[in-house]
Amino acid sequence: MAVDKTDKTDLTAASTWQQPQNYREAVELAKWFLNKQRFEGGLDLYDGKINYQVTVARISEMLLDKYPSTLMENDDALSQDVLREALAARVESGRPIPAEFREHASAFMRGELGLNRKAGIKEKSYLHSRIVWAVAWLTHEGLAATRNDRSEPTSACDAVADALAELSLSPMTFASVKRIWLDGKLVKSVAQHSS
């Protein structure tokens, strides 16, 4: 099957594609989507640690500029990592640190503030969100989202599981993809309403 590789990353653009004619085409579409969402700047966003670092780097300075008090008030791991990244970026670039934040920043850099490593982003959360989007897309293209466990494996969850297996990504089973689909209520809601 020839897959159109033009930039069609959202479901509304995807809706102009031809529906998959068979299950194999659905698997190929899922593989294409999962691969397209996987890399940014040569980094593998499905690696939870790399995705976490990329996410923190993207939002850190914006949060420091707009919500410095939130970063000062929260002691969760994500807030601390965002704070550390924002401070490092400011020091590297020579940009000023907001005045109301300097005392807190100094205490943070001296290690006077305790670090809480309990919380944070789940390592697979980005991959799981992409799995939900891929299932939603294939559902939009006409496949049933899931199936009875005894039925033929031709649902969107089956196609995504097969695509993950062919890409050597975990999870690789229908049951795991189905669980992620059924648990991904928020992303699923967004995906279903974006068409």
N, C-alpha and C. Protein backbone atom coordinates (compact mmCIF):
# COMPACT_ATOMS: atom_id res chain seq x y z
N MET A 1 0.84 -1.18 0.00
CA MET A 1 0.00 0.00 0.00
C MET A 1 0.88 1.24 0.00
N ALA A 2 0.56 2.22 -0.79
CA ALA A 2 1.30 3.47 -0.80
C ALA A 2 0.68 4.39 0.24
N VAL A 3 1.47 4.80 1.21
CA VAL A 3 0.99 5.68 2.27
C VAL A 3 1.40 7.10 1.93
N ASP A 4 0.44 8.00 1.96
CA ASP A 4 0.69 9.42 1.71
C ASP A 4 1.49 9.95 2.90
N LYS A 5 2.72 10.44 2.66
CA LYS A 5 3.57 10.89 3.76
C LYS A 5 3.60 12.40 3.88
N THR A 6 2.59 13.10 3.36
CA THR A 6 2.52 14.53 3.57
C THR A 6 2.14 14.77 5.02
N ASP A 7 2.31 15.98 5.49
CA ASP A 7 2.07 16.29 6.89
C ASP A 7 0.58 16.30 7.20
N LYS A 8 0.11 15.23 7.77
CA LYS A 8 -1.30 15.10 8.16
C LYS A 8 -1.33 14.56 9.57
N THR A 9 -0.99 15.41 10.54
CA THR A 9 -0.83 14.94 11.90
C THR A 9 -2.09 15.02 12.73
N ASP A 10 -3.10 15.73 12.30
CA ASP A 10 -4.30 15.77 13.12
C ASP A 10 -5.42 14.98 12.45
N LEU A 11 -6.44 14.69 13.23
CA LEU A 11 -7.50 13.82 12.73
C LEU A 11 -8.34 14.46 11.64
N THR A 12 -8.46 15.78 11.66
CA THR A 12 -9.27 16.41 10.62
C THR A 12 -8.58 16.27 9.27
N ALA A 13 -7.26 16.43 9.25
CA ALA A 13 -6.53 16.22 7.99
C ALA A 13 -6.59 14.76 7.59
N ALA A 14 -6.50 13.88 8.59
CA ALA A 14 -6.52 12.45 8.29
C ALA A 14 -7.86 12.02 7.72
N SER A 15 -8.92 12.75 8.03
CA SER A 15 -10.24 12.34 7.57
C SER A 15 -10.39 12.47 6.05
N THR A 16 -9.47 13.17 5.38
CA THR A 16 -9.54 13.28 3.92
C THR A 16 -8.89 12.08 3.24
N TRP A 17 -8.24 11.23 3.97
CA TRP A 17 -7.60 10.06 3.42
C TRP A 17 -8.65 9.04 3.07
N GLN A 18 -8.27 8.13 2.21
CA GLN A 18 -9.16 7.01 1.93
C GLN A 18 -9.16 6.08 3.13
N GLN A 19 -10.32 5.52 3.39
CA GLN A 19 -10.40 4.55 4.47
C GLN A 19 -9.53 3.35 4.12
N PRO A 20 -8.93 2.73 5.15
CA PRO A 20 -8.15 1.53 4.86
C PRO A 20 -9.04 0.47 4.22
N GLN A 21 -8.55 -0.14 3.16
CA GLN A 21 -9.32 -1.13 2.44
C GLN A 21 -9.28 -2.50 3.10
N ASN A 22 -8.27 -2.72 3.94
CA ASN A 22 -8.16 -3.99 4.64
C ASN A 22 -7.38 -3.78 5.93
N TYR A 23 -7.32 -4.83 6.70
CA TYR A 23 -6.66 -4.76 8.01
C TYR A 23 -5.19 -4.40 7.87
N ARG A 24 -4.49 -4.95 6.89
CA ARG A 24 -3.06 -4.67 6.70
C ARG A 24 -2.84 -3.17 6.46
N GLU A 25 -3.71 -2.54 5.69
CA GLU A 25 -3.60 -1.09 5.46
C GLU A 25 -3.79 -0.33 6.76
N ALA A 26 -4.70 -0.80 7.61
CA ALA A 26 -4.91 -0.15 8.91
C ALA A 26 -3.65 -0.23 9.77
N VAL A 27 -2.99 -1.39 9.74
CA VAL A 27 -1.74 -1.55 10.48
C VAL A 27 -0.68 -0.59 9.94
N GLU A 28 -0.58 -0.48 8.62
CA GLU A 28 0.40 0.41 8.01
C GLU A 28 0.12 1.88 8.36
N LEU A 29 -1.15 2.27 8.37
CA LEU A 29 -1.50 3.63 8.78
C LEU A 29 -1.12 3.88 10.23
N ALA A 30 -1.39 2.91 11.09
CA ALA A 30 -1.03 3.05 12.51
C ALA A 30 0.49 3.16 12.66
N LYS A 31 1.24 2.35 11.92
CA LYS A 31 2.70 2.43 11.98
C LYS A 31 3.19 3.80 11.52
N TRP A 32 2.62 4.29 10.43
CA TRP A 32 3.03 5.60 9.93
C TRP A 32 2.76 6.68 10.98
N PHE A 33 1.58 6.65 11.57
CA PHE A 33 1.22 7.65 12.58
C PHE A 33 2.14 7.55 13.80
N LEU A 34 2.35 6.36 14.31
CA LEU A 34 3.19 6.19 15.49
C LEU A 34 4.63 6.61 15.22
N ASN A 35 5.15 6.33 14.04
CA ASN A 35 6.50 6.76 13.69
C ASN A 35 6.59 8.27 13.53
N LYS A 36 5.56 8.86 12.92
CA LYS A 36 5.55 10.31 12.70
C LYS A 36 5.58 11.07 14.03
N GLN A 37 4.91 10.52 15.03
CA GLN A 37 4.83 11.17 16.34
C GLN A 37 6.05 10.86 17.23
N ARG A 38 6.90 9.96 16.78
CA ARG A 38 7.96 9.43 17.64
C ARG A 38 9.17 10.33 17.80
N PHE A 39 9.65 10.95 16.73
CA PHE A 39 10.93 11.65 16.77
C PHE A 39 10.77 13.15 16.63
N GLU A 40 11.61 13.85 17.36
CA GLU A 40 11.67 15.31 17.23
C GLU A 40 13.12 15.72 17.43
N GLY A 41 13.66 16.38 16.43
CA GLY A 41 15.06 16.80 16.52
C GLY A 41 16.01 15.65 16.77
N GLY A 42 15.69 14.48 16.21
CA GLY A 42 16.54 13.31 16.39
C GLY A 42 16.36 12.60 17.72
N LEU A 43 15.46 13.10 18.56
CA LEU A 43 15.22 12.49 19.87
C LEU A 43 14.01 11.57 19.80
N ASP A 44 14.09 10.44 20.47
CA ASP A 44 13.01 9.47 20.52
C ASP A 44 12.07 9.82 21.66
N LEU A 45 10.94 10.44 21.33
CA LEU A 45 10.01 10.89 22.36
C LEU A 45 9.28 9.74 23.04
N TYR A 46 9.40 8.53 22.52
CA TYR A 46 8.80 7.38 23.20
C TYR A 46 9.67 6.88 24.34
N ASP A 47 10.91 7.37 24.41
CA ASP A 47 11.75 7.12 25.57
C ASP A 47 11.27 8.10 26.65
N GLY A 48 10.71 7.56 27.72
CA GLY A 48 10.07 8.39 28.73
C GLY A 48 10.96 9.47 29.31
N LYS A 49 12.22 9.14 29.55
CA LYS A 49 13.13 10.13 30.13
C LYS A 49 13.41 11.26 29.16
N ILE A 50 13.63 10.92 27.89
CA ILE A 50 13.87 11.95 26.88
C ILE A 50 12.63 12.82 26.70
N ASN A 51 11.45 12.20 26.63
CA ASN A 51 10.22 12.97 26.48
C ASN A 51 10.03 13.91 27.65
N TYR A 52 10.32 13.45 28.84
CA TYR A 52 10.20 14.28 30.03
C TYR A 52 11.12 15.49 29.93
N GLN A 53 12.38 15.27 29.52
CA GLN A 53 13.33 16.37 29.39
C GLN A 53 12.90 17.37 28.32
N VAL A 54 12.41 16.86 27.19
CA VAL A 54 11.94 17.74 26.11
C VAL A 54 10.74 18.56 26.59
N THR A 55 9.81 17.92 27.28
CA THR A 55 8.62 18.62 27.79
C THR A 55 9.02 19.70 28.77
N VAL A 56 9.88 19.37 29.70
CA VAL A 56 10.33 20.34 30.70
C VAL A 56 11.03 21.51 30.01
N ALA A 57 11.88 21.22 29.05
CA ALA A 57 12.60 22.29 28.35
C ALA A 57 11.64 23.21 27.61
N ARG A 58 10.58 22.65 27.02
CA ARG A 58 9.61 23.47 26.27
C ARG A 58 8.83 24.42 27.16
N ILE A 59 8.46 23.97 28.34
CA ILE A 59 7.54 24.77 29.15
C ILE A 59 8.22 25.59 30.23
N SER A 60 9.50 25.33 30.50
CA SER A 60 10.14 25.93 31.67
C SER A 60 10.17 27.45 31.67
N GLU A 61 10.68 28.05 30.63
CA GLU A 61 10.81 29.51 30.64
C GLU A 61 9.45 30.20 30.59
N MET A 62 8.51 29.62 29.86
CA MET A 62 7.16 30.19 29.82
C MET A 62 6.55 30.18 31.23
N LEU A 63 6.71 29.08 31.95
CA LEU A 63 6.16 29.01 33.30
C LEU A 63 6.88 29.97 34.24
N LEU A 64 8.18 30.11 34.08
CA LEU A 64 8.93 31.06 34.91
C LEU A 64 8.46 32.49 34.67
N ASP A 65 8.19 32.83 33.40
CA ASP A 65 7.72 34.17 33.07
C ASP A 65 6.29 34.43 33.55
N LYS A 66 5.41 33.45 33.33
CA LYS A 66 3.98 33.67 33.59
C LYS A 66 3.52 33.24 34.96
N TYR A 67 4.13 32.21 35.53
CA TYR A 67 3.63 31.64 36.79
C TYR A 67 4.76 31.37 37.79
N PRO A 68 5.61 32.35 38.07
CA PRO A 68 6.72 32.06 38.99
C PRO A 68 6.24 31.65 40.38
N SER A 69 5.13 32.21 40.84
CA SER A 69 4.66 31.85 42.18
C SER A 69 4.24 30.38 42.25
N THR A 70 3.70 29.85 41.16
CA THR A 70 3.32 28.44 41.13
C THR A 70 4.54 27.56 41.27
N LEU A 71 5.62 27.91 40.60
CA LEU A 71 6.86 27.13 40.71
C LEU A 71 7.43 27.21 42.12
N MET A 72 7.26 28.36 42.77
CA MET A 72 7.78 28.53 44.12
C MET A 72 6.94 27.77 45.14
N GLU A 73 5.64 27.68 44.91
CA GLU A 73 4.73 27.06 45.88
C GLU A 73 4.73 25.54 45.80
N ASN A 74 4.98 24.98 44.63
CA ASN A 74 4.90 23.53 44.47
C ASN A 74 6.26 22.89 44.67
N ASP A 75 6.26 21.77 45.40
CA ASP A 75 7.52 21.05 45.61
C ASP A 75 7.51 19.68 44.94
N ASP A 76 6.61 19.51 43.95
CA ASP A 76 6.58 18.23 43.25
C ASP A 76 7.75 18.16 42.26
N ALA A 77 8.05 16.95 41.82
CA ALA A 77 9.22 16.73 40.96
C ALA A 77 9.14 17.52 39.66
N LEU A 78 7.97 17.56 39.04
CA LEU A 78 7.84 18.28 37.78
C LEU A 78 8.12 19.77 37.96
N SER A 79 7.54 20.38 38.99
CA SER A 79 7.78 21.82 39.24
C SER A 79 9.26 22.07 39.49
N GLN A 80 9.91 21.19 40.24
CA GLN A 80 11.33 21.37 40.54
C GLN A 80 12.18 21.22 39.28
N ASP A 81 11.84 20.27 38.43
CA ASP A 81 12.58 20.10 37.19
C ASP A 81 12.38 21.28 36.25
N VAL A 82 11.15 21.80 36.18
CA VAL A 82 10.87 22.97 35.36
C VAL A 82 11.65 24.17 35.89
N LEU A 83 11.65 24.33 37.19
CA LEU A 83 12.40 25.43 37.80
C LEU A 83 13.89 25.32 37.49
N ARG A 84 14.45 24.14 37.65
CA ARG A 84 15.88 23.93 37.38
C ARG A 84 16.20 24.25 35.91
N GLU A 85 15.37 23.78 34.99
CA GLU A 85 15.60 24.02 33.57
C GLU A 85 15.48 25.51 33.23
N ALA A 86 14.47 26.17 33.80
CA ALA A 86 14.27 27.60 33.53
C ALA A 86 15.45 28.42 34.04
N LEU A 87 15.93 28.09 35.23
CA LEU A 87 17.08 28.82 35.77
C LEU A 87 18.32 28.58 34.93
N ALA A 88 18.55 27.34 34.53
CA ALA A 88 19.72 27.03 33.70
C ALA A 88 19.66 27.78 32.38
N ALA A 89 18.49 27.82 31.76
CA ALA A 89 18.33 28.53 30.48
C ALA A 89 18.59 30.01 30.66
N ARG A 90 18.11 30.59 31.76
CA ARG A 90 18.35 32.01 32.01
C ARG A 90 19.83 32.30 32.24
N VAL A 91 20.50 31.48 33.01
CA VAL A 91 21.92 31.69 33.28
C VAL A 91 22.71 31.56 31.98
N GLU A 92 22.42 30.52 31.19
CA GLU A 92 23.13 30.31 29.92
C GLU A 92 22.95 31.46 28.94
N SER A 93 21.73 32.00 28.89
CA SER A 93 21.44 33.05 27.90
C SER A 93 21.74 34.45 28.41
N GLY A 94 21.97 34.58 29.71
CA GLY A 94 22.22 35.90 30.29
C GLY A 94 20.95 36.70 30.51
N ARG A 95 19.80 36.08 30.32
CA ARG A 95 18.52 36.77 30.54
C ARG A 95 18.26 36.88 32.04
N PRO A 96 17.59 37.94 32.45
CA PRO A 96 17.37 38.14 33.89
C PRO A 96 16.36 37.15 34.48
N ILE A 97 16.54 36.90 35.76
CA ILE A 97 15.59 36.09 36.53
C ILE A 97 14.60 37.07 37.15
N PRO A 98 13.29 36.80 37.07
CA PRO A 98 12.31 37.74 37.62
C PRO A 98 12.63 38.11 39.08
N ALA A 99 12.51 39.40 39.41
CA ALA A 99 12.89 39.91 40.73
C ALA A 99 12.20 39.16 41.87
N GLU A 100 10.90 38.90 41.74
CA GLU A 100 10.16 38.25 42.82
C GLU A 100 10.58 36.79 43.02
N PHE A 101 11.42 36.31 42.13
CA PHE A 101 11.80 34.91 42.13
C PHE A 101 13.25 34.70 42.56
N ARG A 102 14.03 35.75 42.68
CA ARG A 102 15.48 35.62 42.91
C ARG A 102 15.82 34.94 44.23
N GLU A 103 15.16 35.31 45.30
CA GLU A 103 15.47 34.71 46.61
C GLU A 103 15.18 33.20 46.58
N HIS A 104 14.04 32.85 46.03
CA HIS A 104 13.68 31.43 45.93
C HIS A 104 14.66 30.70 45.02
N ALA A 105 15.05 31.33 43.93
CA ALA A 105 16.00 30.71 42.99
C ALA A 105 17.35 30.48 43.66
N SER A 106 17.80 31.43 44.45
CA SER A 106 19.08 31.29 45.15
C SER A 106 19.03 30.13 46.13
N ALA A 107 17.94 30.03 46.90
CA ALA A 107 17.80 28.93 47.85
C ALA A 107 17.74 27.59 47.12
N PHE A 108 17.07 27.58 46.00
CA PHE A 108 16.97 26.35 45.21
C PHE A 108 18.34 25.91 44.71
N MET A 109 19.11 26.86 44.17
CA MET A 109 20.41 26.53 43.61
C MET A 109 21.41 26.13 44.70
N ARG A 110 21.25 26.65 45.91
CA ARG A 110 22.13 26.27 47.02
C ARG A 110 21.75 24.92 47.62
N GLY A 111 20.64 24.36 47.17
CA GLY A 111 20.21 23.09 47.71
C GLY A 111 19.48 23.22 49.03
N GLU A 112 19.02 24.41 49.36
CA GLU A 112 18.33 24.64 50.62
C GLU A 112 16.88 24.20 50.57
N LEU A 113 16.38 23.93 49.39
CA LEU A 113 15.01 23.43 49.24
C LEU A 113 15.07 21.93 49.00
N GLY A 114 14.24 21.19 49.71
CA GLY A 114 14.22 19.74 49.55
C GLY A 114 13.71 19.33 48.18
N LEU A 115 14.23 18.22 47.68
CA LEU A 115 13.80 17.71 46.39
C LEU A 115 12.83 16.55 46.61
N ASN A 116 11.72 16.62 45.93
CA ASN A 116 10.71 15.57 46.00
C ASN A 116 10.75 14.80 44.69
N ARG A 117 11.23 13.59 44.70
CA ARG A 117 11.34 12.81 43.47
C ARG A 117 10.19 11.81 43.32
N LYS A 118 9.17 11.88 44.17
CA LYS A 118 8.07 10.92 44.10
C LYS A 118 7.18 11.15 42.89
N ALA A 119 6.86 12.38 42.62
CA ALA A 119 5.90 12.68 41.55
C ALA A 119 6.62 12.85 40.23
N GLY A 120 5.85 13.13 39.21
CA GLY A 120 6.42 13.39 37.89
C GLY A 120 5.57 12.80 36.81
N ILE A 121 6.02 12.91 35.59
CA ILE A 121 5.30 12.38 34.44
C ILE A 121 5.60 10.90 34.32
N LYS A 122 4.59 10.10 34.09
CA LYS A 122 4.82 8.68 33.86
C LYS A 122 5.64 8.52 32.59
N GLU A 123 6.60 7.60 32.64
CA GLU A 123 7.52 7.45 31.52
C GLU A 123 6.85 7.09 30.21
N LYS A 124 5.74 6.42 30.23
CA LYS A 124 5.08 5.99 29.00
C LYS A 124 3.89 6.87 28.63
N SER A 125 3.67 7.96 29.34
CA SER A 125 2.46 8.74 29.11
C SER A 125 2.36 9.28 27.68
N TYR A 126 3.47 9.72 27.09
CA TYR A 126 3.41 10.25 25.73
C TYR A 126 3.09 9.13 24.74
N LEU A 127 3.76 8.00 24.86
CA LEU A 127 3.48 6.87 23.98
C LEU A 127 2.02 6.44 24.14
N HIS A 128 1.54 6.37 25.36
CA HIS A 128 0.15 5.97 25.59
C HIS A 128 -0.82 6.96 24.94
N SER A 129 -0.52 8.24 25.01
CA SER A 129 -1.40 9.22 24.37
C SER A 129 -1.40 9.03 22.85
N ARG A 130 -0.25 8.71 22.27
CA ARG A 130 -0.17 8.47 20.82
C ARG A 130 -0.93 7.19 20.45
N ILE A 131 -0.90 6.19 21.32
CA ILE A 131 -1.67 4.96 21.08
C ILE A 131 -3.16 5.30 21.04
N VAL A 132 -3.62 6.11 21.99
CA VAL A 132 -5.04 6.49 22.02
C VAL A 132 -5.40 7.26 20.75
N TRP A 133 -4.53 8.18 20.32
CA TRP A 133 -4.80 8.93 19.09
C TRP A 133 -4.84 8.02 17.87
N ALA A 134 -3.93 7.04 17.81
CA ALA A 134 -3.91 6.12 16.67
C ALA A 134 -5.20 5.29 16.63
N VAL A 135 -5.64 4.80 17.78
CA VAL A 135 -6.90 4.04 17.83
C VAL A 135 -8.06 4.94 17.42
N ALA A 136 -8.07 6.17 17.93
CA ALA A 136 -9.16 7.11 17.59
C ALA A 136 -9.18 7.38 16.09
N TRP A 137 -8.00 7.56 15.51
CA TRP A 137 -7.92 7.83 14.07
C TRP A 137 -8.47 6.65 13.27
N LEU A 138 -8.04 5.43 13.61
CA LEU A 138 -8.52 4.26 12.89
C LEU A 138 -10.02 4.05 13.09
N THR A 139 -10.49 4.39 14.27
CA THR A 139 -11.94 4.33 14.53
C THR A 139 -12.66 5.32 13.63
N HIS A 140 -12.09 6.51 13.51
CA HIS A 140 -12.65 7.53 12.63
C HIS A 140 -12.66 7.04 11.17
N GLU A 141 -11.68 6.21 10.83
CA GLU A 141 -11.58 5.68 9.47
C GLU A 141 -12.45 4.44 9.24
N GLY A 142 -13.23 4.04 10.24
CA GLY A 142 -14.20 2.98 10.03
C GLY A 142 -13.99 1.68 10.77
N LEU A 143 -12.87 1.52 11.48
CA LEU A 143 -12.65 0.29 12.22
C LEU A 143 -13.35 0.39 13.58
N ALA A 144 -13.78 -0.74 14.10
CA ALA A 144 -14.30 -0.79 15.47
C ALA A 144 -13.12 -0.58 16.40
N ALA A 145 -13.33 0.16 17.48
CA ALA A 145 -12.23 0.45 18.40
C ALA A 145 -11.69 -0.83 19.04
N THR A 146 -12.58 -1.65 19.56
CA THR A 146 -12.18 -2.89 20.23
C THR A 146 -13.03 -4.03 19.70
N ARG A 147 -12.87 -5.18 20.30
CA ARG A 147 -13.64 -6.34 19.89
C ARG A 147 -13.82 -7.25 21.09
N ASN A 148 -14.69 -8.21 20.95
CA ASN A 148 -14.83 -9.28 21.93
C ASN A 148 -13.55 -10.10 21.84
N ASP A 149 -13.05 -10.56 22.97
CA ASP A 149 -11.77 -11.27 22.98
C ASP A 149 -11.77 -12.52 22.10
N ARG A 150 -12.92 -13.08 21.80
CA ARG A 150 -12.98 -14.29 20.97
C ARG A 150 -13.19 -13.97 19.49
N SER A 151 -13.40 -12.72 19.16
CA SER A 151 -13.65 -12.33 17.76
C SER A 151 -12.35 -12.28 16.96
N GLU A 152 -12.50 -12.17 15.64
CA GLU A 152 -11.35 -12.02 14.76
C GLU A 152 -10.58 -10.75 15.13
N PRO A 153 -9.25 -10.78 15.10
CA PRO A 153 -8.45 -9.60 15.47
C PRO A 153 -8.38 -8.58 14.34
N THR A 154 -9.44 -7.78 14.21
CA THR A 154 -9.46 -6.78 13.14
C THR A 154 -9.88 -5.40 13.65
N SER A 155 -9.80 -5.15 14.93
CA SER A 155 -10.21 -3.85 15.48
C SER A 155 -9.06 -2.86 15.39
N ALA A 156 -9.35 -1.62 15.69
CA ALA A 156 -8.32 -0.57 15.72
C ALA A 156 -7.26 -0.90 16.77
N CYS A 157 -7.69 -1.41 17.92
CA CYS A 157 -6.71 -1.80 18.95
C CYS A 157 -5.80 -2.93 18.45
N ASP A 158 -6.33 -3.87 17.70
CA ASP A 158 -5.51 -4.93 17.11
C ASP A 158 -4.49 -4.34 16.14
N ALA A 159 -4.95 -3.44 15.28
CA ALA A 159 -4.06 -2.84 14.27
C ALA A 159 -2.93 -2.06 14.94
N VAL A 160 -3.27 -1.30 15.98
CA VAL A 160 -2.25 -0.52 16.69
C VAL A 160 -1.28 -1.46 17.41
N ALA A 161 -1.79 -2.52 18.02
CA ALA A 161 -0.91 -3.50 18.68
C ALA A 161 0.04 -4.13 17.68
N ASP A 162 -0.47 -4.50 16.51
CA ASP A 162 0.39 -5.08 15.47
C ASP A 162 1.42 -4.05 14.98
N ALA A 163 1.01 -2.80 14.83
CA ALA A 163 1.94 -1.75 14.41
C ALA A 163 3.04 -1.58 15.46
N LEU A 164 2.67 -1.56 16.74
CA LEU A 164 3.66 -1.43 17.81
C LEU A 164 4.64 -2.59 17.78
N ALA A 165 4.12 -3.79 17.57
CA ALA A 165 4.99 -4.97 17.51
C ALA A 165 5.96 -4.87 16.35
N GLU A 166 5.48 -4.42 15.20
CA GLU A 166 6.35 -4.29 14.02
C GLU A 166 7.39 -3.19 14.20
N LEU A 167 7.08 -2.22 15.06
CA LEU A 167 8.02 -1.14 15.36
C LEU A 167 8.89 -1.48 16.58
N SER A 168 8.70 -2.66 17.12
CA SER A 168 9.42 -3.11 18.33
C SER A 168 9.20 -2.20 19.51
N LEU A 169 7.97 -1.72 19.65
CA LEU A 169 7.59 -0.88 20.78
C LEU A 169 6.66 -1.67 21.70
N SER A 170 6.76 -1.40 22.96
CA SER A 170 5.90 -2.06 23.93
C SER A 170 4.86 -1.05 24.39
N PRO A 171 3.62 -1.42 24.55
CA PRO A 171 3.03 -2.75 24.58
C PRO A 171 2.75 -3.26 23.16
N MET A 172 2.71 -4.58 23.03
CA MET A 172 2.52 -5.18 21.72
C MET A 172 1.30 -6.08 21.64
N THR A 173 0.45 -6.05 22.64
CA THR A 173 -0.69 -6.97 22.64
C THR A 173 -2.01 -6.20 22.54
N PHE A 174 -2.99 -6.87 21.98
CA PHE A 174 -4.34 -6.31 21.90
C PHE A 174 -4.83 -5.92 23.28
N ALA A 175 -4.65 -6.81 24.27
CA ALA A 175 -5.16 -6.55 25.62
C ALA A 175 -4.56 -5.28 26.21
N SER A 176 -3.26 -5.06 26.01
CA SER A 176 -2.60 -3.86 26.54
C SER A 176 -3.08 -2.60 25.85
N VAL A 177 -3.18 -2.66 24.52
CA VAL A 177 -3.65 -1.48 23.78
C VAL A 177 -5.10 -1.19 24.13
N LYS A 178 -5.91 -2.21 24.26
CA LYS A 178 -7.31 -2.03 24.65
C LYS A 178 -7.41 -1.37 26.02
N ARG A 179 -6.57 -1.82 26.97
CA ARG A 179 -6.57 -1.23 28.31
C ARG A 179 -6.19 0.26 28.25
N ILE A 180 -5.17 0.59 27.46
CA ILE A 180 -4.76 1.99 27.31
C ILE A 180 -5.89 2.80 26.68
N TRP A 181 -6.52 2.26 25.65
CA TRP A 181 -7.64 2.93 24.99
C TRP A 181 -8.77 3.20 25.98
N LEU A 182 -9.13 2.20 26.74
CA LEU A 182 -10.25 2.36 27.67
C LEU A 182 -9.88 3.23 28.86
N ASP A 183 -8.61 3.29 29.22
CA ASP A 183 -8.17 4.14 30.33
C ASP A 183 -7.89 5.57 29.89
N GLY A 184 -7.68 5.79 28.60
CA GLY A 184 -7.31 7.11 28.10
C GLY A 184 -8.50 8.01 27.86
N LYS A 185 -9.33 8.18 28.86
CA LYS A 185 -10.60 8.90 28.68
C LYS A 185 -10.42 10.33 28.17
N LEU A 186 -9.49 11.06 28.75
CA LEU A 186 -9.33 12.46 28.36
C LEU A 186 -8.83 12.58 26.93
N VAL A 187 -7.75 11.89 26.60
CA VAL A 187 -7.20 11.99 25.25
C VAL A 187 -8.20 11.43 24.24
N LYS A 188 -8.87 10.34 24.62
CA LYS A 188 -9.87 9.74 23.73
C LYS A 188 -10.98 10.73 23.44
N SER A 189 -11.42 11.45 24.47
CA SER A 189 -12.47 12.44 24.29
C SER A 189 -12.05 13.53 23.32
N VAL A 190 -10.82 14.01 23.48
CA VAL A 190 -10.30 15.04 22.58
C VAL A 190 -10.22 14.48 21.16
N ALA A 191 -9.69 13.27 21.04
CA ALA A 191 -9.51 12.66 19.72
C ALA A 191 -10.85 12.48 19.01
N GLN A 192 -11.85 12.01 19.73
CA GLN A 192 -13.14 11.77 19.10
C GLN A 192 -13.86 13.04 18.70
N HIS A 193 -13.56 14.13 19.38
CA HIS A 193 -14.25 15.38 19.08
C HIS A 193 -13.46 16.31 18.16
N SER A 194 -12.32 15.84 17.67
CA SER A 194 -11.52 16.71 16.81
C SER A 194 -11.84 16.51 15.33
N SER A 195 -12.81 15.67 15.04
CA SER A 195 -13.13 15.45 13.61
C SER A 195 -14.31 16.28 13.18
